[in-house]
Amino acid sequence: MTSPNRKTGFASKAVLSAIAFGCSASVAFSQQPTVKPDQMSGHDIPGMMQMHGQEAGQVSISAPTMPGQDAFGAIQEIVRMLEADPDTDWSKVDLEGLRQHLIDMNEVTLKADAAAKSIDGGLQIAITGDSSTRSAIQRMIPAQASELEQLNNWSAKTEPLPNGVLLTVTSTDTKELQHIRGLGFIGLLVAGSHHQPHHLAMAKGKFSYQN
């Protein structure tokens, strides 16, 4: 049997060991250099932010992802696709044509006036604007009408106006009649899935964009 004094000796040693360990850890911690935010290198700050984000259960972002401007981002995406395609014929690439088309899209989407009225079988929209907006309307809307003709058994036609284009879209299907009216000007403008392939084909120089 272990004597009480021996037990006390073991306990005392354990306490002294714990105290010594605590002191060593405290000294070691106090010897670590204090780094102020303005002393961190460019590599240290993202690392600490990443650790903080992970601790908070958040996903860290190492670089911005937004291009900052829609047309810039659209062209950037096209350029990456062209560069990734070994068959790209750079002698035919026409990114300026694509840029001019995107300018027209901006004019028509954001600056055109659209006066819509219900007619038998569908919708009629007078799409008008001043100066460059008028020219953009006259380039874009007839081309879009041709695409609308391919959708949902719709009938689409355009007529020139002094300051724009008159677009008429109709259907003999009652359900499609409500569809057309519900979409209105901007919905009909974006209808279909041809826009993105159209932009890529334009950038590849498969057809020129006429001003």
N, C-alpha and C. Protein backbone atom coordinates (compact mmCIF):
# COMPACT_ATOMS: atom_id res chain seq x y z
N MET A 1 0.86 -1.20 0.00
CA MET A 1 0.00 0.00 0.00
C MET A 1 0.88 1.24 0.00
N THR A 2 0.48 2.21 -0.76
CA THR A 2 1.26 3.44 -0.85
C THR A 2 0.95 4.32 0.34
N SER A 3 1.97 4.83 0.98
CA SER A 3 1.80 5.65 2.17
C SER A 3 1.19 6.98 1.81
N PRO A 4 0.47 7.64 2.77
CA PRO A 4 -0.13 8.96 2.50
C PRO A 4 0.91 9.97 2.06
N ASN A 5 2.10 9.91 2.64
CA ASN A 5 3.14 10.88 2.26
C ASN A 5 3.55 10.71 0.82
N ARG A 6 3.59 9.44 0.38
CA ARG A 6 4.00 9.18 -1.00
C ARG A 6 2.96 9.69 -1.99
N LYS A 7 1.66 9.49 -1.58
CA LYS A 7 0.58 10.01 -2.42
C LYS A 7 0.66 11.52 -2.53
N THR A 8 0.94 12.11 -1.39
CA THR A 8 1.04 13.58 -1.38
C THR A 8 2.18 14.04 -2.26
N GLY A 9 3.27 13.26 -2.25
CA GLY A 9 4.41 13.61 -3.09
C GLY A 9 4.08 13.54 -4.57
N PHE A 10 3.33 12.49 -4.96
CA PHE A 10 2.91 12.37 -6.37
C PHE A 10 2.03 13.54 -6.77
N ALA A 11 1.09 13.88 -5.87
CA ALA A 11 0.17 14.99 -6.18
C ALA A 11 0.93 16.29 -6.32
N SER A 12 1.90 16.50 -5.45
CA SER A 12 2.68 17.74 -5.51
C SER A 12 3.45 17.83 -6.80
N LYS A 13 4.04 16.70 -7.23
CA LYS A 13 4.79 16.69 -8.49
C LYS A 13 3.87 16.99 -9.67
N ALA A 14 2.67 16.42 -9.63
CA ALA A 14 1.72 16.65 -10.73
C ALA A 14 1.34 18.12 -10.81
N VAL A 15 1.09 18.73 -9.66
CA VAL A 15 0.72 20.14 -9.62
C VAL A 15 1.86 20.99 -10.14
N LEU A 16 3.10 20.68 -9.68
CA LEU A 16 4.26 21.45 -10.12
C LEU A 16 4.48 21.31 -11.62
N SER A 17 4.25 20.08 -12.16
CA SER A 17 4.42 19.86 -13.60
C SER A 17 3.40 20.68 -14.38
N ALA A 18 2.16 20.70 -13.91
CA ALA A 18 1.11 21.46 -14.59
C ALA A 18 1.43 22.94 -14.59
N ILE A 19 1.90 23.43 -13.43
CA ILE A 19 2.26 24.85 -13.33
C ILE A 19 3.39 25.18 -14.28
N ALA A 20 4.39 24.29 -14.31
CA ALA A 20 5.55 24.53 -15.18
C ALA A 20 5.14 24.54 -16.64
N PHE A 21 4.27 23.62 -17.02
CA PHE A 21 3.79 23.57 -18.41
C PHE A 21 3.03 24.83 -18.77
N GLY A 22 2.17 25.27 -17.83
CA GLY A 22 1.39 26.49 -18.07
C GLY A 22 2.29 27.69 -18.22
N CYS A 23 3.31 27.78 -17.40
CA CYS A 23 4.24 28.91 -17.49
C CYS A 23 4.98 28.89 -18.82
N SER A 24 5.41 27.68 -19.23
CA SER A 24 6.14 27.56 -20.50
C SER A 24 5.26 27.98 -21.67
N ALA A 25 4.01 27.52 -21.66
CA ALA A 25 3.09 27.88 -22.75
C ALA A 25 2.84 29.37 -22.77
N SER A 26 2.71 29.95 -21.55
CA SER A 26 2.45 31.39 -21.47
C SER A 26 3.62 32.19 -22.00
N VAL A 27 4.84 31.73 -21.64
CA VAL A 27 6.04 32.43 -22.11
C VAL A 27 6.16 32.29 -23.62
N ALA A 28 5.90 31.08 -24.12
CA ALA A 28 6.01 30.84 -25.57
C ALA A 28 5.02 31.71 -26.32
N PHE A 29 3.81 31.81 -25.77
CA PHE A 29 2.80 32.62 -26.45
C PHE A 29 3.17 34.09 -26.42
N SER A 30 3.68 34.53 -25.27
CA SER A 30 4.03 35.95 -25.14
C SER A 30 5.21 36.32 -26.00
N GLN A 31 6.00 35.32 -26.40
CA GLN A 31 7.16 35.61 -27.24
C GLN A 31 6.81 35.69 -28.71
N GLN A 32 5.57 35.29 -29.07
CA GLN A 32 5.16 35.40 -30.46
C GLN A 32 5.04 36.87 -30.83
N PRO A 33 5.58 37.28 -31.99
CA PRO A 33 5.51 38.69 -32.38
C PRO A 33 4.09 39.13 -32.66
N THR A 34 3.76 40.33 -32.22
CA THR A 34 2.45 40.91 -32.49
C THR A 34 2.48 41.58 -33.85
N VAL A 35 1.61 41.14 -34.75
CA VAL A 35 1.60 41.67 -36.10
C VAL A 35 0.38 42.56 -36.27
N LYS A 36 0.63 43.79 -36.58
CA LYS A 36 -0.45 44.73 -36.82
C LYS A 36 -0.94 44.59 -38.26
N PRO A 37 -2.21 44.97 -38.52
CA PRO A 37 -2.73 44.83 -39.90
C PRO A 37 -1.89 45.55 -40.93
N ASP A 38 -1.32 46.72 -40.56
CA ASP A 38 -0.54 47.46 -41.56
C ASP A 38 0.85 46.90 -41.76
N GLN A 39 1.22 45.86 -40.96
CA GLN A 39 2.52 45.22 -41.12
C GLN A 39 2.42 43.92 -41.91
N MET A 40 1.19 43.51 -42.25
CA MET A 40 1.01 42.25 -42.95
C MET A 40 1.40 42.42 -44.41
N SER A 41 1.95 41.35 -44.98
CA SER A 41 2.28 41.37 -46.40
C SER A 41 1.03 41.09 -47.20
N GLY A 42 1.12 41.27 -48.51
CA GLY A 42 -0.02 41.00 -49.38
C GLY A 42 -0.44 39.55 -49.31
N HIS A 43 0.48 38.64 -48.94
CA HIS A 43 0.13 37.22 -48.87
C HIS A 43 -0.53 36.89 -47.54
N ASP A 44 -0.15 37.61 -46.46
CA ASP A 44 -0.67 37.30 -45.14
C ASP A 44 -2.15 37.63 -45.01
N ILE A 45 -2.56 38.80 -45.55
CA ILE A 45 -3.93 39.26 -45.35
C ILE A 45 -4.95 38.32 -45.97
N PRO A 46 -4.80 37.91 -47.26
CA PRO A 46 -5.78 36.96 -47.81
C PRO A 46 -5.82 35.65 -47.05
N GLY A 47 -4.64 35.21 -46.56
CA GLY A 47 -4.59 33.97 -45.80
C GLY A 47 -5.41 34.06 -44.54
N MET A 48 -5.26 35.18 -43.81
CA MET A 48 -6.02 35.36 -42.58
C MET A 48 -7.51 35.50 -42.87
N MET A 49 -7.83 36.20 -43.98
CA MET A 49 -9.23 36.35 -44.36
C MET A 49 -9.84 35.00 -44.70
N GLN A 50 -9.04 34.15 -45.38
CA GLN A 50 -9.53 32.83 -45.74
C GLN A 50 -9.81 32.00 -44.49
N MET A 51 -8.85 32.06 -43.51
CA MET A 51 -9.04 31.32 -42.27
C MET A 51 -10.29 31.80 -41.54
N HIS A 52 -10.45 33.13 -41.49
CA HIS A 52 -11.62 33.70 -40.82
C HIS A 52 -12.90 33.24 -41.50
N GLY A 53 -12.89 33.25 -42.85
CA GLY A 53 -14.07 32.82 -43.59
C GLY A 53 -14.39 31.37 -43.34
N GLN A 54 -13.36 30.52 -43.27
CA GLN A 54 -13.58 29.11 -43.03
C GLN A 54 -14.13 28.87 -41.63
N GLU A 55 -13.61 29.64 -40.65
CA GLU A 55 -14.09 29.48 -39.28
C GLU A 55 -15.56 29.88 -39.17
N ALA A 56 -15.96 30.85 -39.97
CA ALA A 56 -17.35 31.32 -39.92
C ALA A 56 -18.26 30.49 -40.82
N GLY A 57 -17.70 29.47 -41.46
CA GLY A 57 -18.50 28.64 -42.34
C GLY A 57 -18.82 29.30 -43.66
N GLN A 58 -17.98 30.26 -44.07
CA GLN A 58 -18.21 30.98 -45.30
C GLN A 58 -17.22 30.52 -46.36
N VAL A 59 -17.57 30.75 -47.63
CA VAL A 59 -16.69 30.41 -48.74
C VAL A 59 -15.81 31.61 -49.04
N SER A 60 -14.50 31.42 -49.02
CA SER A 60 -13.59 32.53 -49.29
C SER A 60 -13.48 32.76 -50.79
N ILE A 61 -13.33 34.02 -51.19
CA ILE A 61 -13.18 34.40 -52.59
C ILE A 61 -11.81 35.01 -52.77
N SER A 62 -11.00 34.40 -53.63
CA SER A 62 -9.63 34.87 -53.79
C SER A 62 -9.51 36.00 -54.78
N ALA A 63 -10.52 36.17 -55.67
CA ALA A 63 -10.45 37.24 -56.67
C ALA A 63 -11.86 37.62 -57.09
N PRO A 64 -12.08 38.86 -57.55
CA PRO A 64 -13.41 39.26 -58.02
C PRO A 64 -13.84 38.42 -59.22
N THR A 65 -15.13 38.23 -59.37
CA THR A 65 -15.65 37.46 -60.49
C THR A 65 -16.50 38.31 -61.44
N MET A 66 -17.02 39.44 -60.98
CA MET A 66 -17.86 40.28 -61.83
C MET A 66 -17.00 41.16 -62.72
N PRO A 67 -17.34 41.26 -64.03
CA PRO A 67 -16.52 42.06 -64.95
C PRO A 67 -16.69 43.55 -64.77
N GLY A 68 -17.79 43.98 -64.13
CA GLY A 68 -17.98 45.40 -63.88
C GLY A 68 -18.87 46.09 -64.90
N GLN A 69 -19.06 45.48 -66.06
CA GLN A 69 -19.91 46.07 -67.10
C GLN A 69 -20.41 44.94 -67.99
N ASP A 70 -21.72 44.94 -68.29
CA ASP A 70 -22.33 43.80 -68.95
C ASP A 70 -21.74 43.49 -70.32
N ALA A 71 -21.60 44.52 -71.16
CA ALA A 71 -21.06 44.29 -72.51
C ALA A 71 -19.61 43.80 -72.43
N PHE A 72 -18.86 44.37 -71.51
CA PHE A 72 -17.47 43.94 -71.30
C PHE A 72 -17.44 42.46 -70.95
N GLY A 73 -18.32 42.06 -70.02
CA GLY A 73 -18.36 40.66 -69.60
C GLY A 73 -18.79 39.73 -70.71
N ALA A 74 -19.76 40.16 -71.54
CA ALA A 74 -20.22 39.33 -72.65
C ALA A 74 -19.10 39.10 -73.66
N ILE A 75 -18.36 40.16 -73.98
CA ILE A 75 -17.26 40.03 -74.93
C ILE A 75 -16.11 39.22 -74.33
N GLN A 76 -15.85 39.41 -73.05
CA GLN A 76 -14.81 38.63 -72.37
C GLN A 76 -15.12 37.14 -72.44
N GLU A 77 -16.38 36.78 -72.23
CA GLU A 77 -16.78 35.37 -72.31
C GLU A 77 -16.54 34.82 -73.72
N ILE A 78 -16.90 35.61 -74.73
CA ILE A 78 -16.71 35.18 -76.12
C ILE A 78 -15.23 35.00 -76.42
N VAL A 79 -14.40 35.94 -75.97
CA VAL A 79 -12.95 35.86 -76.22
C VAL A 79 -12.38 34.58 -75.61
N ARG A 80 -12.81 34.24 -74.41
CA ARG A 80 -12.31 33.01 -73.77
C ARG A 80 -12.72 31.78 -74.57
N MET A 81 -13.92 31.80 -75.11
CA MET A 81 -14.37 30.67 -75.93
C MET A 81 -13.56 30.57 -77.22
N LEU A 82 -13.29 31.70 -77.83
CA LEU A 82 -12.49 31.70 -79.06
C LEU A 82 -11.08 31.20 -78.79
N GLU A 83 -10.49 31.64 -77.69
CA GLU A 83 -9.12 31.23 -77.35
C GLU A 83 -9.04 29.76 -76.97
N ALA A 84 -10.14 29.22 -76.45
CA ALA A 84 -10.16 27.80 -76.06
C ALA A 84 -10.41 26.88 -77.25
N ASP A 85 -10.84 27.46 -78.37
CA ASP A 85 -11.16 26.67 -79.56
C ASP A 85 -9.96 26.68 -80.52
N PRO A 86 -9.29 25.54 -80.70
CA PRO A 86 -8.10 25.51 -81.57
C PRO A 86 -8.44 25.77 -83.04
N ASP A 87 -9.72 25.68 -83.39
CA ASP A 87 -10.12 25.89 -84.78
C ASP A 87 -10.52 27.34 -85.09
N THR A 88 -10.38 28.22 -84.11
CA THR A 88 -10.73 29.62 -84.34
C THR A 88 -9.85 30.22 -85.43
N ASP A 89 -10.49 30.83 -86.41
CA ASP A 89 -9.78 31.52 -87.49
C ASP A 89 -9.70 32.99 -87.11
N TRP A 90 -8.57 33.39 -86.54
CA TRP A 90 -8.43 34.75 -86.03
C TRP A 90 -8.44 35.79 -87.14
N SER A 91 -8.22 35.38 -88.36
CA SER A 91 -8.26 36.34 -89.47
C SER A 91 -9.69 36.78 -89.77
N LYS A 92 -10.68 36.04 -89.26
CA LYS A 92 -12.08 36.37 -89.52
C LYS A 92 -12.81 36.90 -88.29
N VAL A 93 -12.16 36.86 -87.15
CA VAL A 93 -12.82 37.30 -85.91
C VAL A 93 -13.20 38.78 -86.00
N ASP A 94 -14.43 39.09 -85.57
CA ASP A 94 -14.95 40.46 -85.65
C ASP A 94 -15.55 40.86 -84.30
N LEU A 95 -14.71 41.15 -83.35
CA LEU A 95 -15.19 41.55 -82.02
C LEU A 95 -15.76 42.96 -82.03
N GLU A 96 -15.28 43.80 -82.94
CA GLU A 96 -15.83 45.15 -83.03
C GLU A 96 -17.28 45.10 -83.51
N GLY A 97 -17.58 44.20 -84.43
CA GLY A 97 -18.96 44.03 -84.87
C GLY A 97 -19.86 43.62 -83.72
N LEU A 98 -19.36 42.71 -82.88
CA LEU A 98 -20.12 42.29 -81.71
C LEU A 98 -20.31 43.46 -80.75
N ARG A 99 -19.28 44.26 -80.57
CA ARG A 99 -19.40 45.42 -79.68
C ARG A 99 -20.47 46.38 -80.17
N GLN A 100 -20.51 46.64 -81.47
CA GLN A 100 -21.53 47.53 -82.02
C GLN A 100 -22.93 46.97 -81.83
N HIS A 101 -23.06 45.65 -81.96
CA HIS A 101 -24.36 45.01 -81.73
C HIS A 101 -24.78 45.16 -80.28
N LEU A 102 -23.86 45.00 -79.36
CA LEU A 102 -24.18 45.14 -77.93
C LEU A 102 -24.55 46.58 -77.60
N ILE A 103 -23.96 47.53 -78.29
CA ILE A 103 -24.36 48.94 -78.12
C ILE A 103 -25.82 49.11 -78.54
N ASP A 104 -26.18 48.50 -79.68
CA ASP A 104 -27.57 48.56 -80.14
C ASP A 104 -28.51 47.91 -79.12
N MET A 105 -28.11 46.79 -78.57
CA MET A 105 -28.93 46.11 -77.57
C MET A 105 -29.18 47.01 -76.37
N ASN A 106 -28.14 47.72 -75.96
CA ASN A 106 -28.28 48.64 -74.84
C ASN A 106 -29.25 49.76 -75.18
N GLU A 107 -29.13 50.32 -76.37
CA GLU A 107 -30.02 51.40 -76.80
C GLU A 107 -31.48 50.95 -76.81
N VAL A 108 -31.74 49.80 -77.41
CA VAL A 108 -33.12 49.33 -77.54
C VAL A 108 -33.70 48.90 -76.20
N THR A 109 -32.91 48.20 -75.40
CA THR A 109 -33.39 47.69 -74.11
C THR A 109 -33.67 48.80 -73.12
N LEU A 110 -32.79 49.79 -73.05
CA LEU A 110 -32.89 50.79 -71.99
C LEU A 110 -33.44 52.14 -72.43
N LYS A 111 -33.37 52.45 -73.72
CA LYS A 111 -33.73 53.80 -74.13
C LYS A 111 -34.93 53.90 -75.06
N ALA A 112 -35.35 52.80 -75.66
CA ALA A 112 -36.47 52.85 -76.60
C ALA A 112 -37.79 53.08 -75.86
N ASP A 113 -38.70 53.78 -76.51
CA ASP A 113 -40.08 53.90 -76.02
C ASP A 113 -40.90 52.80 -76.68
N ALA A 114 -41.75 52.15 -75.90
CA ALA A 114 -42.56 51.05 -76.43
C ALA A 114 -44.00 51.26 -76.04
N ALA A 115 -44.83 51.60 -77.02
CA ALA A 115 -46.26 51.80 -76.78
C ALA A 115 -47.02 50.60 -77.32
N ALA A 116 -47.51 49.76 -76.42
CA ALA A 116 -48.17 48.51 -76.81
C ALA A 116 -49.68 48.63 -76.71
N LYS A 117 -50.37 47.96 -77.62
CA LYS A 117 -51.83 47.89 -77.53
C LYS A 117 -52.28 46.51 -77.99
N SER A 118 -53.30 46.01 -77.33
CA SER A 118 -53.86 44.70 -77.69
C SER A 118 -54.66 44.82 -78.98
N ILE A 119 -54.49 43.84 -79.83
CA ILE A 119 -55.25 43.76 -81.08
C ILE A 119 -55.82 42.36 -81.18
N ASP A 120 -56.70 42.14 -82.13
CA ASP A 120 -57.25 40.80 -82.33
C ASP A 120 -56.12 39.81 -82.59
N GLY A 121 -56.03 38.82 -81.73
CA GLY A 121 -55.04 37.76 -81.92
C GLY A 121 -53.68 38.04 -81.32
N GLY A 122 -53.45 39.22 -80.74
CA GLY A 122 -52.12 39.45 -80.19
C GLY A 122 -51.83 40.85 -79.72
N LEU A 123 -50.67 41.34 -80.13
CA LEU A 123 -50.17 42.61 -79.60
C LEU A 123 -49.47 43.39 -80.70
N GLN A 124 -49.64 44.70 -80.65
CA GLN A 124 -48.94 45.58 -81.58
C GLN A 124 -48.17 46.62 -80.77
N ILE A 125 -46.90 46.81 -81.11
CA ILE A 125 -46.04 47.69 -80.31
C ILE A 125 -45.33 48.69 -81.22
N ALA A 126 -45.51 49.97 -80.93
CA ALA A 126 -44.76 51.02 -81.62
C ALA A 126 -43.48 51.26 -80.82
N ILE A 127 -42.36 50.87 -81.42
CA ILE A 127 -41.06 50.97 -80.74
C ILE A 127 -40.31 52.14 -81.38
N THR A 128 -40.09 53.19 -80.61
CA THR A 128 -39.54 54.42 -81.17
C THR A 128 -38.42 54.98 -80.30
N GLY A 129 -37.67 55.89 -80.89
CA GLY A 129 -36.59 56.53 -80.14
C GLY A 129 -35.95 57.62 -80.97
N ASP A 130 -35.05 58.34 -80.35
CA ASP A 130 -34.36 59.44 -81.01
C ASP A 130 -32.96 59.02 -81.45
N SER A 131 -32.48 59.61 -82.51
CA SER A 131 -31.09 59.51 -82.95
C SER A 131 -30.60 58.08 -82.99
N SER A 132 -29.55 57.77 -82.20
CA SER A 132 -28.93 56.45 -82.25
C SER A 132 -29.88 55.35 -81.81
N THR A 133 -30.81 55.67 -80.93
CA THR A 133 -31.78 54.66 -80.49
C THR A 133 -32.68 54.25 -81.65
N ARG A 134 -33.11 55.22 -82.45
CA ARG A 134 -33.95 54.91 -83.62
C ARG A 134 -33.21 53.97 -84.57
N SER A 135 -31.95 54.27 -84.83
CA SER A 135 -31.17 53.43 -85.76
C SER A 135 -31.01 52.02 -85.20
N ALA A 136 -30.79 51.91 -83.90
CA ALA A 136 -30.66 50.59 -83.28
C ALA A 136 -31.95 49.81 -83.37
N ILE A 137 -33.07 50.48 -83.17
CA ILE A 137 -34.39 49.84 -83.29
C ILE A 137 -34.58 49.28 -84.69
N GLN A 138 -34.24 50.09 -85.69
CA GLN A 138 -34.45 49.68 -87.08
C GLN A 138 -33.53 48.54 -87.50
N ARG A 139 -32.42 48.36 -86.80
CA ARG A 139 -31.55 47.22 -87.08
C ARG A 139 -32.00 45.96 -86.34
N MET A 140 -32.41 46.12 -85.10
CA MET A 140 -32.66 44.96 -84.25
C MET A 140 -34.05 44.36 -84.38
N ILE A 141 -35.09 45.19 -84.42
CA ILE A 141 -36.45 44.67 -84.31
C ILE A 141 -36.87 43.82 -85.51
N PRO A 142 -36.59 44.21 -86.76
CA PRO A 142 -36.94 43.31 -87.87
C PRO A 142 -36.25 41.95 -87.76
N ALA A 143 -34.99 41.96 -87.31
CA ALA A 143 -34.27 40.69 -87.15
C ALA A 143 -34.91 39.84 -86.06
N GLN A 144 -35.34 40.48 -84.98
CA GLN A 144 -35.99 39.74 -83.90
C GLN A 144 -37.34 39.20 -84.34
N ALA A 145 -38.05 39.94 -85.18
CA ALA A 145 -39.34 39.47 -85.69
C ALA A 145 -39.18 38.18 -86.47
N SER A 146 -38.09 38.08 -87.22
CA SER A 146 -37.83 36.84 -87.97
C SER A 146 -37.65 35.66 -87.03
N GLU A 147 -37.03 35.92 -85.88
CA GLU A 147 -36.84 34.85 -84.89
C GLU A 147 -38.17 34.49 -84.23
N LEU A 148 -39.00 35.50 -83.96
CA LEU A 148 -40.29 35.24 -83.33
C LEU A 148 -41.19 34.38 -84.21
N GLU A 149 -41.01 34.48 -85.49
CA GLU A 149 -41.79 33.66 -86.44
C GLU A 149 -41.54 32.17 -86.23
N GLN A 150 -40.39 31.84 -85.65
CA GLN A 150 -40.02 30.44 -85.45
C GLN A 150 -40.54 29.88 -84.12
N LEU A 151 -41.17 30.71 -83.30
CA LEU A 151 -41.56 30.30 -81.95
C LEU A 151 -43.07 30.10 -81.82
N ASN A 152 -43.49 29.00 -81.23
CA ASN A 152 -44.86 28.80 -80.75
C ASN A 152 -45.95 29.05 -81.80
N ASN A 153 -45.61 28.86 -83.06
CA ASN A 153 -46.57 29.13 -84.14
C ASN A 153 -47.07 30.58 -84.13
N TRP A 154 -46.19 31.48 -83.71
CA TRP A 154 -46.53 32.89 -83.73
C TRP A 154 -46.39 33.45 -85.15
N SER A 155 -47.05 34.55 -85.39
CA SER A 155 -46.86 35.32 -86.61
C SER A 155 -46.32 36.69 -86.20
N ALA A 156 -45.20 37.09 -86.80
CA ALA A 156 -44.58 38.37 -86.43
C ALA A 156 -44.21 39.14 -87.69
N LYS A 157 -44.48 40.43 -87.66
CA LYS A 157 -44.11 41.27 -88.80
C LYS A 157 -43.76 42.67 -88.29
N THR A 158 -43.04 43.42 -89.10
CA THR A 158 -42.68 44.80 -88.75
C THR A 158 -43.03 45.74 -89.90
N GLU A 159 -43.27 46.96 -89.50
CA GLU A 159 -43.49 48.04 -90.47
C GLU A 159 -42.65 49.23 -90.02
N PRO A 160 -42.05 49.95 -90.97
CA PRO A 160 -41.23 51.09 -90.58
C PRO A 160 -42.07 52.26 -90.08
N LEU A 161 -41.55 52.95 -89.09
CA LEU A 161 -42.12 54.19 -88.60
C LEU A 161 -41.07 55.29 -88.78
N PRO A 162 -41.48 56.55 -88.84
CA PRO A 162 -40.50 57.63 -89.03
C PRO A 162 -39.39 57.63 -87.97
N ASN A 163 -39.74 57.23 -86.76
CA ASN A 163 -38.74 57.23 -85.68
C ASN A 163 -38.57 55.86 -85.03
N GLY A 164 -38.86 54.79 -85.79
CA GLY A 164 -38.67 53.46 -85.24
C GLY A 164 -39.31 52.37 -86.06
N VAL A 165 -39.97 51.42 -85.38
CA VAL A 165 -40.56 50.25 -86.03
C VAL A 165 -41.86 49.88 -85.32
N LEU A 166 -42.84 49.44 -86.10
CA LEU A 166 -44.08 48.91 -85.55
C LEU A 166 -44.00 47.38 -85.61
N LEU A 167 -44.03 46.74 -84.45
CA LEU A 167 -43.95 45.28 -84.35
C LEU A 167 -45.33 44.72 -84.03
N THR A 168 -45.74 43.73 -84.82
CA THR A 168 -47.03 43.06 -84.58
C THR A 168 -46.78 41.56 -84.42
N VAL A 169 -47.25 41.01 -83.30
CA VAL A 169 -47.09 39.58 -83.02
C VAL A 169 -48.47 39.01 -82.69
N THR A 170 -48.88 37.95 -83.40
CA THR A 170 -50.21 37.37 -83.21
C THR A 170 -50.16 35.85 -83.18
N SER A 171 -51.27 35.26 -82.75
CA SER A 171 -51.39 33.80 -82.75
C SER A 171 -52.87 33.43 -82.83
N THR A 172 -53.15 32.29 -83.42
CA THR A 172 -54.53 31.80 -83.48
C THR A 172 -54.87 30.95 -82.25
N ASP A 173 -53.86 30.67 -81.42
CA ASP A 173 -54.03 29.88 -80.21
C ASP A 173 -54.35 30.83 -79.05
N THR A 174 -55.48 30.61 -78.38
CA THR A 174 -55.89 31.50 -77.29
C THR A 174 -54.84 31.54 -76.17
N LYS A 175 -54.26 30.40 -75.87
CA LYS A 175 -53.24 30.36 -74.84
C LYS A 175 -52.03 31.19 -75.24
N GLU A 176 -51.63 31.09 -76.48
CA GLU A 176 -50.48 31.86 -76.96
C GLU A 176 -50.80 33.35 -77.05
N LEU A 177 -52.06 33.66 -77.27
CA LEU A 177 -52.48 35.06 -77.27
C LEU A 177 -52.15 35.72 -75.93
N GLN A 178 -52.50 35.04 -74.84
CA GLN A 178 -52.19 35.56 -73.50
C GLN A 178 -50.68 35.56 -73.24
N HIS A 179 -50.01 34.58 -73.78
CA HIS A 179 -48.56 34.50 -73.66
C HIS A 179 -47.90 35.73 -74.28
N ILE A 180 -48.30 36.05 -75.49
CA ILE A 180 -47.74 37.20 -76.22
C ILE A 180 -47.99 38.50 -75.46
N ARG A 181 -49.23 38.68 -75.02
CA ARG A 181 -49.57 39.91 -74.30
C ARG A 181 -48.86 39.99 -72.95
N GLY A 182 -48.70 38.85 -72.31
CA GLY A 182 -47.99 38.83 -71.04
C GLY A 182 -46.52 39.19 -71.18
N LEU A 183 -45.90 38.74 -72.25
CA LEU A 183 -44.48 39.05 -72.48
C LEU A 183 -44.27 40.53 -72.75
N GLY A 184 -45.14 41.12 -73.55
CA GLY A 184 -44.97 42.53 -73.87
C GLY A 184 -43.69 42.80 -74.65
N PHE A 185 -43.31 44.06 -74.72
CA PHE A 185 -42.16 44.46 -75.53
C PHE A 185 -40.87 43.75 -75.12
N ILE A 186 -40.47 43.89 -73.87
CA ILE A 186 -39.15 43.37 -73.47
C ILE A 186 -39.15 41.85 -73.47
N GLY A 187 -40.27 41.23 -73.13
CA GLY A 187 -40.34 39.77 -73.17
C GLY A 187 -40.20 39.22 -74.58
N LEU A 188 -40.85 39.88 -75.53
CA LEU A 188 -40.72 39.46 -76.93
C LEU A 188 -39.32 39.73 -77.46
N LEU A 189 -38.69 40.79 -76.95
CA LEU A 189 -37.34 41.12 -77.40
C LEU A 189 -36.33 40.04 -77.00
N VAL A 190 -36.52 39.45 -75.83
CA VAL A 190 -35.56 38.44 -75.35
C VAL A 190 -35.99 37.02 -75.67
N ALA A 191 -37.18 36.85 -76.25
CA ALA A 191 -37.71 35.50 -76.50
C ALA A 191 -36.79 34.70 -77.42
N GLY A 192 -36.75 33.40 -77.18
CA GLY A 192 -35.92 32.52 -77.99
C GLY A 192 -34.55 32.32 -77.36
N SER A 193 -33.82 31.37 -77.91
CA SER A 193 -32.49 31.04 -77.37
C SER A 193 -31.40 31.29 -78.40
N HIS A 194 -31.67 32.19 -79.34
CA HIS A 194 -30.73 32.42 -80.43
C HIS A 194 -29.68 33.48 -80.13
N HIS A 195 -29.89 34.28 -79.10
CA HIS A 195 -29.03 35.45 -78.88
C HIS A 195 -27.57 35.08 -78.65
N GLN A 196 -27.32 34.13 -77.74
CA GLN A 196 -25.94 33.78 -77.42
C GLN A 196 -25.21 33.13 -78.60
N PRO A 197 -25.81 32.13 -79.28
CA PRO A 197 -25.15 31.58 -80.47
C PRO A 197 -24.95 32.63 -81.56
N HIS A 198 -25.89 33.56 -81.65
CA HIS A 198 -25.80 34.66 -82.61
C HIS A 198 -24.57 35.52 -82.32
N HIS A 199 -24.33 35.80 -81.05
CA HIS A 199 -23.17 36.61 -80.67
C HIS A 199 -21.86 35.89 -80.99
N LEU A 200 -21.82 34.59 -80.72
CA LEU A 200 -20.60 33.83 -81.00
C LEU A 200 -20.34 33.79 -82.51
N ALA A 201 -21.39 33.56 -83.29
CA ALA A 201 -21.22 33.52 -84.75
C ALA A 201 -20.77 34.87 -85.28
N MET A 202 -21.30 35.94 -84.70
CA MET A 202 -20.90 37.28 -85.12
C MET A 202 -19.42 37.52 -84.80
N ALA A 203 -19.00 37.11 -83.61
CA ALA A 203 -17.60 37.29 -83.21
C ALA A 203 -16.66 36.48 -84.09
N LYS A 204 -17.13 35.33 -84.57
CA LYS A 204 -16.31 34.51 -85.46
C LYS A 204 -16.26 35.05 -86.89
N GLY A 205 -17.01 36.11 -87.14
CA GLY A 205 -17.00 36.73 -88.46
C GLY A 205 -17.83 35.98 -89.48
N LYS A 206 -18.81 35.20 -89.03
CA LYS A 206 -19.63 34.44 -89.97
C LYS A 206 -20.64 35.32 -90.69
N PHE A 207 -20.91 36.48 -90.15
CA PHE A 207 -21.67 37.50 -90.85
C PHE A 207 -21.30 38.85 -90.25
N SER A 208 -21.35 39.88 -91.04
CA SER A 208 -20.93 41.20 -90.58
C SER A 208 -22.12 41.96 -90.02
N TYR A 209 -21.84 42.85 -89.06
CA TYR A 209 -22.87 43.66 -88.48
C TYR A 209 -22.91 44.99 -89.20
N GLN A 210 -24.03 45.28 -89.86
CA GLN A 210 -24.15 46.48 -90.67
C GLN A 210 -24.63 47.64 -89.82
N ASN A 211 -23.94 48.76 -89.90
CA ASN A 211 -24.35 49.98 -89.20
C ASN A 211 -25.31 50.78 -90.06
